[in-house]
Amino acid sequence: MERRGGIRVVVDLPGEALPAGGGDAVPVRVRDLSEGGAQIQCTARGSECLAPGANCLNDSGRLLELELICCPDQTSLNIRCRVVFVRRIARDEYRIGLRYADPLQADLLALKQFIRSHY
């Protein structure tokens, strides 16, 4: 059952994520996008940096900054997100589900335009 509103687009985009307020940037692959959220993939170590012990899965979720390159001109977009789930998909691979924290972020509006115009 699809819980996320809007169209979900399967992608494979480079990115980085880091805990809001500081911490080390974690290299990630953005695996899908929608107008409401995204799914990223990273190593076990990266997952532990972004969602320690996966104990951030409460009503508000842990805040992250997601930087991704998705535009043809290689423009980087920075979007504030909240962690909604963490799933182990292989021995050293995790998927982290994100929802966008603020619907009026300028870069999020640009991302939504990118999704609408390319998919």
C-alpha atoms as a PDB file:
ATOM      1  CA  MET A   1       0.000   0.000   0.000  1.00  0.00           C
ATOM      2  CA  GLU A   2       1.389   3.396  -0.988  1.00  0.00           C
ATOM      3  CA  ARG A   3       1.387   5.679   2.052  1.00  0.00           C
ATOM      4  CA  ARG A   4       3.144   8.630   0.508  1.00  0.00           C
ATOM      5  CA  GLY A   5       1.076  11.150  -1.412  1.00  0.00           C
ATOM      6  CA  GLY A   6       2.039  12.039  -4.952  1.00  0.00           C
ATOM      7  CA  ILE A   7       4.118  10.260  -7.516  1.00  0.00           C
ATOM      8  CA  ARG A   8       7.134   8.283  -6.332  1.00  0.00           C
ATOM      9  CA  VAL A   9      10.023   8.385  -8.796  1.00  0.00           C
ATOM     10  CA  VAL A  10      12.765   5.748  -8.766  1.00  0.00           C
ATOM     11  CA  VAL A  11      16.146   7.466  -9.133  1.00  0.00           C
ATOM     12  CA  ASP A  12      19.827   6.831  -8.497  1.00  0.00           C
ATOM     13  CA  LEU A  13      21.329  10.181  -7.522  1.00  0.00           C
ATOM     14  CA  PRO A  14      24.439  11.019  -5.503  1.00  0.00           C
ATOM     15  CA  GLY A  15      24.036  12.848  -2.252  1.00  0.00           C
ATOM     16  CA  GLU A  16      25.168  13.478   1.276  1.00  0.00           C
ATOM     17  CA  ALA A  17      23.195  13.556   4.496  1.00  0.00           C
ATOM     18  CA  LEU A  18      24.134  14.901   7.875  1.00  0.00           C
ATOM     19  CA  PRO A  19      22.366  15.357  11.173  1.00  0.00           C
ATOM     20  CA  ALA A  20      20.887  18.838  11.496  1.00  0.00           C
ATOM     21  CA  GLY A  21      22.925  20.885  13.900  1.00  0.00           C
ATOM     22  CA  GLY A  22      26.216  19.217  13.054  1.00  0.00           C
ATOM     23  CA  GLY A  23      27.974  15.954  12.539  1.00  0.00           C
ATOM     24  CA  ASP A  24      29.820  14.199   9.763  1.00  0.00           C
ATOM     25  CA  ALA A  25      28.421  14.145   6.248  1.00  0.00           C
ATOM     26  CA  VAL A  26      27.499  10.631   5.111  1.00  0.00           C
ATOM     27  CA  PRO A  27      27.666   9.720   1.417  1.00  0.00           C
ATOM     28  CA  VAL A  28      24.297   8.373   0.268  1.00  0.00           C
ATOM     29  CA  ARG A  29      22.465   7.351  -2.888  1.00  0.00           C
ATOM     30  CA  VAL A  30      18.998   8.798  -3.303  1.00  0.00           C
ATOM     31  CA  ARG A  31      16.844   5.861  -4.448  1.00  0.00           C
ATOM     32  CA  ASP A  32      13.443   7.475  -4.806  1.00  0.00           C
ATOM     33  CA  LEU A  33      11.816  10.871  -4.616  1.00  0.00           C
ATOM     34  CA  SER A  34       8.317  12.195  -4.265  1.00  0.00           C
ATOM     35  CA  GLU A  35       6.820  15.550  -3.422  1.00  0.00           C
ATOM     36  CA  GLY A  36       6.457  14.373   0.180  1.00  0.00           C
ATOM     37  CA  GLY A  37       9.701  12.546   0.885  1.00  0.00           C
ATOM     38  CA  ALA A  38      12.678  10.550  -0.291  1.00  0.00           C
ATOM     39  CA  GLN A  39      14.451   7.282   0.324  1.00  0.00           C
ATOM     40  CA  ILE A  40      18.218   7.142   0.701  1.00  0.00           C
ATOM     41  CA  GLN A  41      20.649   4.239   0.849  1.00  0.00           C
ATOM     42  CA  CYS A  42      23.880   4.109   2.845  1.00  0.00           C
ATOM     43  CA  THR A  43      26.231   1.787   4.709  1.00  0.00           C
ATOM     44  CA  ALA A  44      25.592   0.449   8.196  1.00  0.00           C
ATOM     45  CA  ARG A  45      28.075   2.969   9.569  1.00  0.00           C
ATOM     46  CA  GLY A  46      26.306   5.776   7.726  1.00  0.00           C
ATOM     47  CA  SER A  47      22.943   4.632   9.042  1.00  0.00           C
ATOM     48  CA  GLU A  48      24.271   4.673  12.598  1.00  0.00           C
ATOM     49  CA  CYS A  49      25.523   8.257  12.111  1.00  0.00           C
ATOM     50  CA  LEU A  50      22.202   9.435  10.683  1.00  0.00           C
ATOM     51  CA  ALA A  51      19.809   7.424  12.860  1.00  0.00           C
ATOM     52  CA  PRO A  52      21.729   6.105  15.883  1.00  0.00           C
ATOM     53  CA  GLY A  53      20.215   2.855  17.059  1.00  0.00           C
ATOM     54  CA  ALA A  54      17.236   3.776  14.880  1.00  0.00           C
ATOM     55  CA  ASN A  55      15.834   5.343  18.044  1.00  0.00           C
ATOM     56  CA  CYS A  56      14.877   8.517  16.193  1.00  0.00           C
ATOM     57  CA  LEU A  57      11.629   7.041  14.903  1.00  0.00           C
ATOM     58  CA  ASN A  58       9.170   8.959  17.010  1.00  0.00           C
ATOM     59  CA  ASP A  59       6.427  11.331  15.939  1.00  0.00           C
ATOM     60  CA  SER A  60       8.832  14.074  14.961  1.00  0.00           C
ATOM     61  CA  GLY A  61      11.773  12.002  13.638  1.00  0.00           C
ATOM     62  CA  ARG A  62      15.405  13.045  13.656  1.00  0.00           C
ATOM     63  CA  LEU A  63      16.220  16.070  11.524  1.00  0.00           C
ATOM     64  CA  LEU A  64      18.701  15.613   8.676  1.00  0.00           C
ATOM     65  CA  GLU A  65      20.053  17.838   5.958  1.00  0.00           C
ATOM     66  CA  LEU A  66      19.991  16.072   2.586  1.00  0.00           C
ATOM     67  CA  GLU A  67      22.138  17.419  -0.223  1.00  0.00           C
ATOM     68  CA  LEU A  68      21.487  15.961  -3.653  1.00  0.00           C
ATOM     69  CA  ILE A  69      22.444  16.749  -7.209  1.00  0.00           C
ATOM     70  CA  CYS A  70      19.490  16.246  -9.486  1.00  0.00           C
ATOM     71  CA  CYS A  71      19.376  19.004 -12.013  1.00  0.00           C
ATOM     72  CA  PRO A  72      20.936  18.770 -15.482  1.00  0.00           C
ATOM     73  CA  ASP A  73      23.256  21.672 -14.650  1.00  0.00           C
ATOM     74  CA  GLN A  74      24.525  19.709 -11.594  1.00  0.00           C
ATOM     75  CA  THR A  75      22.904  22.147  -9.170  1.00  0.00           C
ATOM     76  CA  SER A  76      23.047  20.970  -5.594  1.00  0.00           C
ATOM     77  CA  LEU A  77      19.828  21.094  -3.541  1.00  0.00           C
ATOM     78  CA  ASN A  78      19.809  21.122   0.270  1.00  0.00           C
ATOM     79  CA  ILE A  79      16.620  19.906   1.890  1.00  0.00           C
ATOM     80  CA  ARG A  80      15.776  19.521   5.577  1.00  0.00           C
ATOM     81  CA  CYS A  81      14.123  16.150   6.264  1.00  0.00           C
ATOM     82  CA  ARG A  82      12.946  13.944   9.119  1.00  0.00           C
ATOM     83  CA  VAL A  83      13.731  10.233   9.425  1.00  0.00           C
ATOM     84  CA  VAL A  84      10.588   8.079   9.282  1.00  0.00           C
ATOM     85  CA  PHE A  85      12.088   4.593   8.946  1.00  0.00           C
ATOM     86  CA  VAL A  86      15.348   2.666   8.769  1.00  0.00           C
ATOM     87  CA  ARG A  87      15.549  -0.767   7.093  1.00  0.00           C
ATOM     88  CA  ARG A  88      18.460  -3.110   6.645  1.00  0.00           C
ATOM     89  CA  ILE A  89      18.398  -4.389   3.067  1.00  0.00           C
ATOM     90  CA  ALA A  90      21.734  -6.245   2.932  1.00  0.00           C
ATOM     91  CA  ARG A  91      24.703  -6.961   5.180  1.00  0.00           C
ATOM     92  CA  ASP A  92      26.113  -3.438   4.920  1.00  0.00           C
ATOM     93  CA  GLU A  93      23.269  -1.562   3.243  1.00  0.00           C
ATOM     94  CA  TYR A  94      20.434   0.373   4.798  1.00  0.00           C
ATOM     95  CA  ARG A  95      17.489   2.318   3.405  1.00  0.00           C
ATOM     96  CA  ILE A  96      16.318   5.355   5.297  1.00  0.00           C
ATOM     97  CA  GLY A  97      12.917   6.850   4.593  1.00  0.00           C
ATOM     98  CA  LEU A  98      12.649  10.612   4.870  1.00  0.00           C
ATOM     99  CA  ARG A  99       9.825  13.118   4.820  1.00  0.00           C
ATOM    100  CA  TYR A 100      10.480  16.746   4.072  1.00  0.00           C
ATOM    101  CA  ALA A 101      10.435  18.838   7.243  1.00  0.00           C
ATOM    102  CA  ASP A 102       9.275  22.149   5.804  1.00  0.00           C
ATOM    103  CA  PRO A 103       7.083  22.253   2.688  1.00  0.00           C
ATOM    104  CA  LEU A 104       8.138  25.827   1.873  1.00  0.00           C
ATOM    105  CA  GLN A 105      11.909  25.302   1.679  1.00  0.00           C
ATOM    106  CA  ALA A 106      13.205  27.037  -1.457  1.00  0.00           C
ATOM    107  CA  ASP A 107      15.266  24.015  -2.571  1.00  0.00           C
ATOM    108  CA  LEU A 108      12.301  21.710  -1.966  1.00  0.00           C
ATOM    109  CA  LEU A 109      10.178  23.826  -4.273  1.00  0.00           C
ATOM    110  CA  ALA A 110      12.938  23.486  -6.895  1.00  0.00           C
ATOM    111  CA  LEU A 111      13.017  19.703  -6.357  1.00  0.00           C
ATOM    112  CA  LYS A 112       9.244  19.435  -6.790  1.00  0.00           C
ATOM    113  CA  GLN A 113       9.544  21.365 -10.061  1.00  0.00           C
ATOM    114  CA  PHE A 114      12.306  18.987 -11.183  1.00  0.00           C
ATOM    115  CA  ILE A 115      10.114  15.945 -10.414  1.00  0.00           C
ATOM    116  CA  ARG A 116       7.119  17.408 -12.264  1.00  0.00           C
ATOM    117  CA  SER A 117       9.140  18.387 -15.343  1.00  0.00           C
ATOM    118  CA  HIS A 118      11.177  15.167 -15.663  1.00  0.00           C
ATOM    119  CA  TYR A 119       8.739  12.456 -14.591  1.00  0.00           C
END
